[in-house]
């Protein structure tokens, strides 16, 4: 789980970077995970720059994914997450996982862990 903010464009698609869960702002001393589109495999991927996806010196998988969607050209990650199953890499690939993604929308401040104000 985490808070991800659209931070840049990566290959023409939005890229989302993990934020500090305490205040919703970028990490100061920690490197956050990323959700981005991987053109090599035509899938949305979850990856972390400090986690390698190789064992015993083997070449890493495409875009160093730890989780990947099914193949898609869809620009909207939230749509993909609601309609696709995901593969998870933990040294071997586990297929068919689901991912739940929601926007930080709230009707009470507690809905968003007291980040910001609601109208």
C-alpha atoms as a PDB file:
ATOM      1  CA  UNK A   1       0.000   0.000   0.000  1.00  0.00           C
ATOM      2  CA  UNK A   2       1.114   3.539  -0.441  1.00  0.00           C
ATOM      3  CA  UNK A   3       0.512   7.011  -1.726  1.00  0.00           C
ATOM      4  CA  UNK A   4       1.642   7.585  -5.305  1.00  0.00           C
ATOM      5  CA  UNK A   5       1.758  10.928  -7.058  1.00  0.00           C
ATOM      6  CA  UNK A   6       2.012  11.544 -10.780  1.00  0.00           C
ATOM      7  CA  UNK A   7       5.466  13.034 -11.018  1.00  0.00           C
ATOM      8  CA  UNK A   8       6.579  12.919 -14.617  1.00  0.00           C
ATOM      9  CA  UNK A   9       6.013  11.443 -18.030  1.00  0.00           C
ATOM     10  CA  UNK A  10       7.854   8.262 -18.985  1.00  0.00           C
ATOM     11  CA  UNK A  11       7.757   7.314 -22.650  1.00  0.00           C
ATOM     12  CA  UNK A  12       4.613   9.369 -23.202  1.00  0.00           C
ATOM     13  CA  UNK A  13       2.730   7.798 -20.266  1.00  0.00           C
ATOM     14  CA  UNK A  14       2.338   9.199 -16.747  1.00  0.00           C
ATOM     15  CA  UNK A  15       4.707   7.885 -14.078  1.00  0.00           C
ATOM     16  CA  UNK A  16       3.711   7.668 -10.430  1.00  0.00           C
ATOM     17  CA  UNK A  17       6.233   7.835  -7.573  1.00  0.00           C
ATOM     18  CA  UNK A  18       5.650   6.670  -4.014  1.00  0.00           C
ATOM     19  CA  UNK A  19       5.270   9.438  -1.435  1.00  0.00           C
ATOM     20  CA  UNK A  20       5.721   9.558   2.331  1.00  0.00           C
ATOM     21  CA  UNK A  21       2.632   8.009   3.953  1.00  0.00           C
ATOM     22  CA  UNK A  22       2.855  10.374   6.938  1.00  0.00           C
ATOM     23  CA  UNK A  23       2.473  13.642   5.041  1.00  0.00           C
ATOM     24  CA  UNK A  24       1.893  12.712   1.377  1.00  0.00           C
ATOM     25  CA  UNK A  25       5.052  14.570   0.315  1.00  0.00           C
ATOM     26  CA  UNK A  26       8.153  13.184  -1.456  1.00  0.00           C
ATOM     27  CA  UNK A  27      10.559  11.166   0.672  1.00  0.00           C
ATOM     28  CA  UNK A  28      13.612  13.042   1.960  1.00  0.00           C
ATOM     29  CA  UNK A  29      15.998  10.129   2.572  1.00  0.00           C
ATOM     30  CA  UNK A  30      14.159   7.170   1.065  1.00  0.00           C
ATOM     31  CA  UNK A  31      13.832   6.142  -2.560  1.00  0.00           C
ATOM     32  CA  UNK A  32      10.200   5.507  -3.441  1.00  0.00           C
ATOM     33  CA  UNK A  33       8.788   2.779  -5.656  1.00  0.00           C
ATOM     34  CA  UNK A  34       7.469   3.660  -9.127  1.00  0.00           C
ATOM     35  CA  UNK A  35       4.479   2.725 -11.253  1.00  0.00           C
ATOM     36  CA  UNK A  36       5.121   3.325 -14.944  1.00  0.00           C
ATOM     37  CA  UNK A  37       4.416   1.981 -18.403  1.00  0.00           C
ATOM     38  CA  UNK A  38       7.043  -0.393 -19.827  1.00  0.00           C
ATOM     39  CA  UNK A  39       7.141  -0.219 -23.630  1.00  0.00           C
ATOM     40  CA  UNK A  40       9.320  -3.363 -23.858  1.00  0.00           C
ATOM     41  CA  UNK A  41       6.442  -5.536 -22.651  1.00  0.00           C
ATOM     42  CA  UNK A  42       3.475  -3.191 -23.327  1.00  0.00           C
ATOM     43  CA  UNK A  43       2.439  -3.344 -19.675  1.00  0.00           C
ATOM     44  CA  UNK A  44       2.153  -1.149 -16.613  1.00  0.00           C
ATOM     45  CA  UNK A  45       4.779  -2.127 -14.039  1.00  0.00           C
ATOM     46  CA  UNK A  46       5.481  -1.585 -10.372  1.00  0.00           C
ATOM     47  CA  UNK A  47       9.209  -1.387  -9.688  1.00  0.00           C
ATOM     48  CA  UNK A  48      11.696  -0.066  -7.167  1.00  0.00           C
ATOM     49  CA  UNK A  49      15.039   1.362  -8.319  1.00  0.00           C
ATOM     50  CA  UNK A  50      16.881  -0.344  -5.435  1.00  0.00           C
ATOM     51  CA  UNK A  51      15.362  -3.826  -5.859  1.00  0.00           C
ATOM     52  CA  UNK A  52      16.875  -6.022  -8.542  1.00  0.00           C
ATOM     53  CA  UNK A  53      14.914  -8.669 -10.378  1.00  0.00           C
ATOM     54  CA  UNK A  54      17.715 -11.079 -10.998  1.00  0.00           C
ATOM     55  CA  UNK A  55      19.071 -13.987  -9.101  1.00  0.00           C
ATOM     56  CA  UNK A  56      22.700 -15.106  -9.086  1.00  0.00           C
ATOM     57  CA  UNK A  57      23.841 -12.412 -11.525  1.00  0.00           C
ATOM     58  CA  UNK A  58      21.299 -13.207 -14.231  1.00  0.00           C
ATOM     59  CA  UNK A  59      19.956 -10.421 -16.429  1.00  0.00           C
ATOM     60  CA  UNK A  60      17.032  -8.522 -14.908  1.00  0.00           C
ATOM     61  CA  UNK A  61      13.547  -8.795 -16.369  1.00  0.00           C
ATOM     62  CA  UNK A  62      12.121  -6.065 -18.592  1.00  0.00           C
ATOM     63  CA  UNK A  63      11.910  -2.714 -16.768  1.00  0.00           C
ATOM     64  CA  UNK A  64      12.905  -4.521 -13.524  1.00  0.00           C
ATOM     65  CA  UNK A  65       9.229  -5.160 -12.790  1.00  0.00           C
ATOM     66  CA  UNK A  66       8.078  -6.569  -9.480  1.00  0.00           C
ATOM     67  CA  UNK A  67       4.453  -6.494 -10.645  1.00  0.00           C
ATOM     68  CA  UNK A  68       3.173  -6.155 -14.223  1.00  0.00           C
ATOM     69  CA  UNK A  69      -0.240  -5.792 -15.834  1.00  0.00           C
ATOM     70  CA  UNK A  70      -1.447  -7.796 -18.767  1.00  0.00           C
ATOM     71  CA  UNK A  71      -0.421  -6.307 -22.129  1.00  0.00           C
ATOM     72  CA  UNK A  72      -2.220  -3.042 -22.843  1.00  0.00           C
ATOM     73  CA  UNK A  73      -1.860   0.278 -24.609  1.00  0.00           C
ATOM     74  CA  UNK A  74      -4.255   1.955 -22.138  1.00  0.00           C
ATOM     75  CA  UNK A  75      -2.961   5.309 -20.879  1.00  0.00           C
ATOM     76  CA  UNK A  76      -5.113   5.209 -17.727  1.00  0.00           C
ATOM     77  CA  UNK A  77      -3.421   3.126 -15.024  1.00  0.00           C
ATOM     78  CA  UNK A  78      -6.468   3.215 -12.735  1.00  0.00           C
ATOM     79  CA  UNK A  79      -8.559   1.715 -15.537  1.00  0.00           C
ATOM     80  CA  UNK A  80      -5.933  -0.971 -16.169  1.00  0.00           C
ATOM     81  CA  UNK A  81      -5.761  -1.861 -12.475  1.00  0.00           C
ATOM     82  CA  UNK A  82      -9.523  -2.339 -12.325  1.00  0.00           C
ATOM     83  CA  UNK A  83      -9.721  -4.496 -15.469  1.00  0.00           C
ATOM     84  CA  UNK A  84      -6.458  -6.478 -15.541  1.00  0.00           C
ATOM     85  CA  UNK A  85      -4.838  -9.216 -13.530  1.00  0.00           C
ATOM     86  CA  UNK A  86      -1.197  -8.787 -12.583  1.00  0.00           C
ATOM     87  CA  UNK A  87       1.865 -11.006 -12.477  1.00  0.00           C
ATOM     88  CA  UNK A  88       4.078 -10.721  -9.398  1.00  0.00           C
ATOM     89  CA  UNK A  89       7.813 -11.478  -9.394  1.00  0.00           C
ATOM     90  CA  UNK A  90       9.281 -12.862  -6.146  1.00  0.00           C
ATOM     91  CA  UNK A  91      12.118 -14.862  -7.656  1.00  0.00           C
ATOM     92  CA  UNK A  92       9.510 -16.675  -9.714  1.00  0.00           C
ATOM     93  CA  UNK A  93       6.377 -15.380 -11.421  1.00  0.00           C
ATOM     94  CA  UNK A  94       2.982 -15.724  -9.761  1.00  0.00           C
ATOM     95  CA  UNK A  95       0.110 -14.996 -12.133  1.00  0.00           C
ATOM     96  CA  UNK A  96      -3.413 -13.723 -11.590  1.00  0.00           C
ATOM     97  CA  UNK A  97      -2.995 -11.255  -8.727  1.00  0.00           C
ATOM     98  CA  UNK A  98      -5.407  -8.360  -8.345  1.00  0.00           C
ATOM     99  CA  UNK A  99      -4.517  -4.788  -7.545  1.00  0.00           C
ATOM    100  CA  UNK A 100      -6.823  -2.224  -5.977  1.00  0.00           C
ATOM    101  CA  UNK A 101      -6.129   1.417  -6.833  1.00  0.00           C
ATOM    102  CA  UNK A 102      -8.177   4.338  -5.577  1.00  0.00           C
ATOM    103  CA  UNK A 103      -7.818   8.092  -5.842  1.00  0.00           C
ATOM    104  CA  UNK A 104      -7.365  10.187  -2.712  1.00  0.00           C
ATOM    105  CA  UNK A 105     -10.859  11.607  -2.708  1.00  0.00           C
ATOM    106  CA  UNK A 106     -12.538  12.306   0.565  1.00  0.00           C
ATOM    107  CA  UNK A 107     -15.626  13.587   2.287  1.00  0.00           C
ATOM    108  CA  UNK A 108     -13.955  13.793   5.698  1.00  0.00           C
ATOM    109  CA  UNK A 109     -10.299  14.572   6.481  1.00  0.00           C
ATOM    110  CA  UNK A 110      -9.894  11.120   8.042  1.00  0.00           C
ATOM    111  CA  UNK A 111     -10.728   9.519   4.652  1.00  0.00           C
ATOM    112  CA  UNK A 112      -7.349  10.758   3.380  1.00  0.00           C
ATOM    113  CA  UNK A 113      -5.337  10.148   6.558  1.00  0.00           C
ATOM    114  CA  UNK A 114      -5.687  13.860   7.375  1.00  0.00           C
ATOM    115  CA  UNK A 115      -3.805  14.915   4.195  1.00  0.00           C
ATOM    116  CA  UNK A 116      -5.272  18.129   2.878  1.00  0.00           C
ATOM    117  CA  UNK A 117      -8.760  19.463   3.238  1.00  0.00           C
ATOM    118  CA  UNK A 118     -12.015  18.210   1.768  1.00  0.00           C
ATOM    119  CA  UNK A 119     -14.684  20.340   0.192  1.00  0.00           C
END
